[in-house]
Amino acid sequence: MAMRRYESRDLESVVEVFRSNIPKYFTPGEESELREFLEKEAEEYYVAETGGEIIGAGGVALNKDQTVSLCWGMIRADHLGTGKGLELTEFRIQKAQEKYGLLPIVISTSQHTQGFYEKLGFQMTKHVPEGFGPGIDICEMRLNVSTTDTHR
C-alpha cells in the first residue's frame, strides 16, 4: 500500500471510500462535513493506494489545546480486516510525531473502532451514546506519546 498527500483530484475517490462505510461507521449526513474538510482544511491529509486505486485516507491536524487529531481516517469497506487500517493509522501517528513532536494524539471515533484504537494504546476520555447518529456513539480517545513507545 502506497501513501501520498491528498490532492483535490482525489475528492470523489475519498468520498467513495467514505460511502462504502455507511451506515456502520459514518452517517450519510457527514458527507457534507467531509467534503468541506477536504476543500478547506486538508493540509495534512493522505490517501492510501493499492494498484493505483484509492482504498483509504486519513489525516492529522493540530488542535488549539496542543493535541493532534487523527481526522477522517477510513479504509474502503472491502479492505477492512486486512491490516490496511492499521498501516494507515500507524502512518498517521508517525506523521503526527514528525510534524508535532510528542504532543498527545486524540481521535473522535465510534464504538465500532474503539477496540482497534485501544490496542494501539489509546484510552477513552469521553463517551456519547449515539453522538454521531443512530447506532454510532462518539468515543473520544487519547494517546499520550512518549519516546519509549515501542508498540509501533
Protein backbone atom coordinates (compact mmCIF):
# COMPACT_ATOMS: atom_id res chain seq x y z
CA MET A 1 0.00 0.00 0.00
CA ALA A 2 1.42 3.37 -1.04
CA MET A 3 0.71 6.59 0.86
CA ARG A 4 0.77 10.05 -0.65
CA ARG A 5 -0.60 13.51 0.06
CA TYR A 6 -4.21 14.15 -0.82
CA GLU A 7 -4.81 16.23 -3.95
CA SER A 8 -8.06 17.94 -4.97
CA ARG A 9 -8.44 15.45 -7.84
CA ASP A 10 -8.83 12.71 -5.18
CA LEU A 11 -12.06 14.18 -3.75
CA GLU A 12 -14.59 11.80 -5.33
CA SER A 13 -12.44 8.72 -4.68
CA VAL A 14 -12.17 9.62 -0.98
CA VAL A 15 -15.93 10.25 -0.84
CA GLU A 16 -16.48 6.77 -2.35
CA VAL A 17 -14.32 5.26 0.41
CA PHE A 18 -16.44 7.17 2.93
CA ARG A 19 -19.72 5.99 1.37
CA SER A 20 -18.55 2.36 1.48
CA ASN A 21 -18.56 2.68 5.30
CA ILE A 22 -22.17 3.89 5.66
CA PRO A 23 -24.12 3.05 7.85
CA LYS A 24 -21.82 1.23 10.30
CA TYR A 25 -19.01 3.78 10.62
CA PHE A 26 -20.46 7.01 9.17
CA THR A 27 -23.87 8.59 8.63
CA PRO A 28 -24.91 9.98 5.24
CA GLY A 29 -25.18 13.45 6.81
CA GLU A 30 -21.44 13.51 7.49
CA GLU A 31 -20.59 13.58 3.77
CA SER A 32 -21.01 17.35 3.54
CA GLU A 33 -18.63 17.77 6.52
CA LEU A 34 -16.07 15.56 4.82
CA ARG A 35 -16.35 17.49 1.55
CA GLU A 36 -15.95 20.81 3.37
CA PHE A 37 -12.92 19.47 5.26
CA LEU A 38 -11.29 18.23 2.04
CA GLU A 39 -11.94 21.51 0.24
CA LYS A 40 -10.74 23.81 3.04
CA GLU A 41 -8.68 22.05 5.70
CA ALA A 42 -6.91 19.02 4.21
CA GLU A 43 -3.38 20.34 4.80
CA GLU A 44 -2.00 17.14 6.34
CA TYR A 45 -4.28 14.61 4.66
CA TYR A 46 -3.14 11.47 2.89
CA VAL A 47 -4.56 8.80 0.62
CA ALA A 48 -3.64 5.11 0.61
CA GLU A 49 -3.42 3.40 -2.77
CA THR A 50 -3.23 -0.18 -3.91
CA GLY A 51 -2.84 -0.90 -7.59
CA GLY A 52 -3.39 2.77 -8.42
CA GLU A 53 -6.77 2.77 -6.62
CA ILE A 54 -7.50 4.85 -3.54
CA ILE A 55 -8.61 2.43 -0.84
CA GLY A 56 -8.14 4.62 2.22
CA ALA A 57 -7.49 8.10 3.52
CA GLY A 58 -6.78 9.97 6.72
CA GLY A 59 -5.05 12.97 8.15
CA VAL A 60 -3.64 14.72 11.16
CA ALA A 61 -4.40 18.21 12.48
CA LEU A 62 -3.10 20.38 15.30
CA ASN A 63 -5.78 21.41 17.79
CA LYS A 64 -5.90 24.65 19.79
CA ASP A 65 -5.40 22.67 23.03
CA GLN A 66 -1.99 21.40 21.83
CA THR A 67 -3.18 17.93 20.95
CA VAL A 68 -3.06 16.38 17.49
CA SER A 69 -6.17 14.84 15.95
CA LEU A 70 -6.27 11.84 13.71
CA CYS A 71 -9.00 13.04 11.37
CA TRP A 72 -11.26 11.47 8.77
CA GLY A 73 -9.48 8.12 8.74
CA MET A 74 -11.10 5.37 6.70
CA ILE A 75 -10.43 2.25 4.67
CA ARG A 76 -12.76 1.13 1.89
CA ALA A 77 -15.18 -1.46 3.29
CA ASP A 78 -13.92 -4.28 1.06
CA HIS A 79 -10.43 -3.85 2.57
CA LEU A 80 -11.47 -3.83 6.25
CA GLY A 81 -9.82 -6.55 8.32
CA THR A 82 -6.79 -6.81 6.03
CA GLY A 83 -4.33 -4.81 8.16
CA LYS A 84 -4.51 -1.78 5.87
CA GLY A 85 -6.32 0.26 8.52
CA LEU A 86 -3.52 -0.46 10.99
CA GLU A 87 -0.93 0.52 8.40
CA LEU A 88 -2.77 3.79 7.68
CA THR A 89 -3.16 4.59 11.38
CA GLU A 90 0.49 3.89 12.17
CA PHE A 91 1.48 6.09 9.20
CA ARG A 92 -0.66 8.94 10.57
CA ILE A 93 0.74 8.58 14.09
CA GLN A 94 4.24 8.75 12.60
CA LYS A 95 3.30 11.88 10.59
CA ALA A 96 1.84 13.47 13.74
CA GLN A 97 5.07 12.83 15.63
CA GLU A 98 7.27 14.09 12.77
CA LYS A 99 5.31 17.33 12.46
CA TYR A 100 4.23 17.99 16.05
CA GLY A 101 6.66 16.06 18.25
CA LEU A 102 5.37 14.30 21.34
CA LEU A 103 2.03 16.10 21.69
CA PRO A 104 -0.84 13.84 22.75
CA ILE A 105 -2.81 12.33 19.87
CA VAL A 106 -6.60 12.31 20.03
CA ILE A 107 -9.37 10.78 17.95
CA SER A 108 -13.12 11.02 17.91
CA THR A 109 -14.24 7.60 16.74
CA SER A 110 -17.13 5.18 17.28
CA GLN A 111 -17.72 2.14 19.45
CA HIS A 112 -17.12 0.05 16.32
CA THR A 113 -13.42 1.04 16.20
CA GLN A 114 -12.83 1.77 19.88
CA GLY A 115 -11.13 -1.60 20.47
CA PHE A 116 -8.86 -1.10 17.45
CA TYR A 117 -7.53 2.15 18.94
CA GLU A 118 -7.27 0.68 22.45
CA LYS A 119 -4.87 -1.95 21.06
CA LEU A 120 -2.66 0.94 19.91
CA GLY A 121 -2.63 2.45 23.41
CA PHE A 122 -5.46 4.97 23.12
CA GLN A 123 -7.66 5.44 26.19
CA MET A 124 -11.28 6.57 26.29
CA THR A 125 -11.78 10.09 27.61
CA LYS A 126 -15.46 10.64 26.74
CA HIS A 127 -18.38 8.53 25.52
CA VAL A 128 -21.56 9.98 23.99
CA PRO A 129 -24.18 7.34 23.07
CA GLU A 130 -25.46 7.88 19.52
CA GLY A 131 -23.45 11.12 19.34
CA PHE A 132 -22.71 10.72 15.63
CA GLY A 133 -26.18 9.38 14.86
CA PRO A 134 -28.41 6.35 15.44
CA GLY A 135 -26.27 3.36 16.38
CA ILE A 136 -22.98 5.31 16.22
CA ASP A 137 -21.58 6.51 19.55
CA ILE A 138 -18.88 9.14 19.90
CA CYS A 139 -15.82 7.70 21.61
CA GLU A 140 -13.21 10.36 22.27
CA MET A 141 -9.84 8.75 22.84
CA ARG A 142 -6.32 9.92 23.65
CA LEU A 143 -2.81 8.54 23.19
CA ASN A 144 -0.09 10.07 25.34
CA VAL A 145 3.00 9.69 23.21
CA SER A 146 6.45 9.23 24.68
CA THR A 147 9.88 8.44 23.38
CA THR A 148 9.57 4.99 24.97
CA ASP A 149 6.50 3.88 22.98
CA THR A 150 7.53 0.62 21.37
CA HIS A 151 4.23 -0.86 20.18
CA ARG A 152 4.65 0.82 16.78
